[in-house]
Protein backbone atom coordinates (compact mmCIF):
# COMPACT_ATOMS: atom_id res chain seq x y z
CA MET A 1 117.56 21.00 68.77
CA ALA A 2 120.45 20.92 66.25
CA LEU A 3 119.64 22.37 62.78
CA TYR A 4 120.93 19.04 61.09
CA SER A 5 120.37 15.38 62.40
CA GLU A 6 123.15 13.11 62.80
CA LYS A 7 122.53 11.26 60.00
CA VAL A 8 122.55 14.43 57.67
CA MET A 9 125.83 15.41 59.10
CA ASP A 10 127.20 11.68 58.62
CA HIS A 11 126.17 11.59 55.11
CA PHE A 12 127.94 15.13 54.52
CA THR A 13 131.04 14.50 56.30
CA ASN A 14 131.35 10.60 54.91
CA PRO A 15 129.35 10.67 51.86
CA ARG A 16 128.81 7.24 50.02
CA ASN A 17 128.79 6.36 46.07
CA VAL A 18 130.69 9.56 45.52
CA GLY A 19 132.42 9.52 41.85
CA ILE A 20 131.67 8.93 38.32
CA ILE A 21 130.57 5.65 36.50
CA GLU A 22 132.64 6.10 33.04
CA ASP A 23 130.37 3.61 31.29
CA ALA A 24 127.18 4.38 33.14
CA ASP A 25 123.83 3.15 31.63
CA GLY A 26 122.08 6.57 32.66
CA VAL A 27 123.14 9.77 33.78
CA GLY A 28 121.15 12.54 35.28
CA GLU A 29 121.83 16.19 36.08
CA VAL A 30 119.65 18.69 37.86
CA GLY A 31 120.05 21.99 39.39
CA ASN A 32 121.68 25.21 38.28
CA ALA A 33 124.22 27.61 39.37
CA LYS A 34 121.34 30.25 40.51
CA CYS A 35 119.92 27.56 43.11
CA GLY A 36 123.79 26.90 44.18
CA ASP A 37 123.29 22.99 44.02
CA ILE A 38 124.13 20.81 41.07
CA MET A 39 123.73 17.04 41.24
CA LYS A 40 124.82 14.54 38.74
CA ILE A 41 123.61 10.86 39.24
CA TYR A 42 125.25 7.72 37.28
CA LEU A 43 123.68 4.48 37.10
CA LYS A 44 125.04 1.04 36.09
CA ILE A 45 122.03 -1.38 35.59
CA GLU A 46 121.90 -5.09 34.90
CA ASN A 47 118.81 -6.97 34.50
CA ASP A 48 116.66 -4.04 35.70
CA ILE A 49 118.80 -4.14 38.72
CA ILE A 50 120.90 -0.88 39.93
CA VAL A 51 124.14 -2.71 40.72
CA ASP A 52 126.03 0.59 41.11
CA VAL A 53 125.44 4.34 41.65
CA LYS A 54 127.77 7.10 41.92
CA PHE A 55 126.99 10.97 42.28
CA GLU A 56 129.03 14.17 42.00
CA THR A 57 127.04 17.19 43.99
CA PHE A 58 128.23 20.80 43.92
CA GLY A 59 126.33 22.48 46.82
CA CYS A 60 125.57 22.67 50.39
CA GLY A 61 125.94 19.88 53.03
CA SER A 62 122.18 19.08 52.69
CA ALA A 63 122.70 18.55 48.94
CA ILE A 64 125.59 16.19 49.61
CA ALA A 65 123.90 14.36 52.27
CA SER A 66 120.56 13.95 50.07
CA SER A 67 122.63 12.70 47.26
CA SER A 68 124.37 10.17 49.39
CA MET A 69 121.41 9.09 51.09
CA ALA A 70 119.47 8.67 47.88
CA THR A 71 122.19 6.81 46.20
CA GLU A 72 122.36 4.30 49.25
CA MET A 73 118.53 3.97 49.00
CA ILE A 74 118.55 2.71 45.34
CA LYS A 75 121.63 0.64 44.98
CA GLY A 76 120.65 -2.91 44.67
CA LYS A 77 117.01 -1.95 43.95
CA SER A 78 115.03 -2.55 40.68
CA ILE A 79 114.46 0.40 38.32
CA HIS A 80 110.84 0.42 39.25
CA ASP A 81 111.81 0.58 43.03
CA ALA A 82 114.06 3.55 42.24
CA MET A 83 111.36 5.33 40.21
CA ALA A 84 109.21 5.27 43.28
CA LEU A 85 111.83 6.90 45.64
CA THR A 86 110.52 10.40 46.92
CA ASN A 87 112.21 13.32 48.24
CA LYS A 88 110.05 12.73 51.28
CA ALA A 89 111.61 9.29 51.87
CA VAL A 90 115.03 10.71 51.30
CA ALA A 91 114.41 13.50 53.87
CA GLU A 92 113.04 10.90 56.37
CA ALA A 93 115.95 8.67 55.88
CA LEU A 94 118.08 11.33 56.77
CA ASP A 95 115.87 12.13 60.09
CA GLY A 96 114.76 15.29 58.42
CA LEU A 97 115.89 18.23 56.82
CA PRO A 98 115.34 22.08 57.68
CA ALA A 99 112.36 23.45 55.66
CA VAL A 100 114.71 25.70 53.63
CA LYS A 101 116.73 22.83 52.57
CA MET A 102 114.09 20.50 51.57
CA HIS A 103 114.65 21.31 47.85
CA CYS A 104 117.99 19.22 48.27
CA SER A 105 115.92 15.97 48.50
CA VAL A 106 113.78 17.15 45.74
CA LEU A 107 116.99 17.39 43.68
CA ALA A 108 118.18 13.97 44.54
CA GLU A 109 114.73 12.38 43.32
CA GLU A 110 114.96 14.35 40.28
CA ALA A 111 118.42 13.18 39.66
CA ILE A 112 117.57 9.85 39.98
CA LYS A 113 114.62 10.14 37.69
CA ASN A 114 116.56 11.93 35.21
CA ALA A 115 119.14 9.29 35.10
CA LEU A 116 116.56 6.38 34.74
CA LYS A 117 114.91 8.46 31.71
CA ASP A 118 118.30 8.67 30.19
CA TYR A 119 118.63 4.73 30.66
CA PHE A 120 115.13 4.37 29.12
CA ASP A 121 116.01 6.82 26.22
CA ARG A 122 119.15 5.09 25.45
CA ASN A 123 117.70 1.64 25.17
CA ASN A 124 114.44 2.76 23.52
CA LEU A 125 112.37 1.46 26.45
CA PRO A 126 108.94 2.84 26.66
CA TYR A 127 107.66 5.04 29.90
CA ASP A 128 105.12 7.31 30.96
CA LYS A 129 106.65 10.88 30.19
CA LYS A 130 104.31 12.28 33.25
CA LEU A 131 106.52 10.33 35.81
CA PHE A 132 109.42 12.44 34.89
CA PRO A 133 110.45 15.84 36.19
CA ASP A 134 110.67 18.74 33.65
CA CYS A 135 113.69 20.13 35.19
CA ALA A 136 114.04 22.85 32.49
CA ASN A 137 111.13 24.35 34.10
CA CYS A 138 111.33 23.20 37.54
CA ALA A 139 109.58 25.44 39.92
CA HIS A 140 111.95 25.66 42.81
CA CYS A 141 114.78 26.99 40.82
CA HIS A 142 112.83 29.76 38.68
């Protein structure tokens, strides 16, 4: 069996939604140099719908594939649907990730949630703080 699925390889070699949204409504960044993977997600939101999403990722193929797949999964969805996205759903959509690379799907989930938190904060919208990761103290990088 190959280490990476065809979907992982496709999203790594042909990533979707790469780039920056200059006037983003929400931006989330996770990871650190110690992990080797850094993800930044940009959201454009209109009427609670994610109308555009872009990412910049510095990291391995699994990190790039996870970023690409996650952005595809939330584009056109409501902010509530995006909040429900899990790392397991990202990994499953990629037809699996090696166990040592599952943290890449976790980073994708956390980057999206951080971008949504930024959107809520910028617009003074209420939210449940327990729904958002504490990336400054995340277990997988410390």
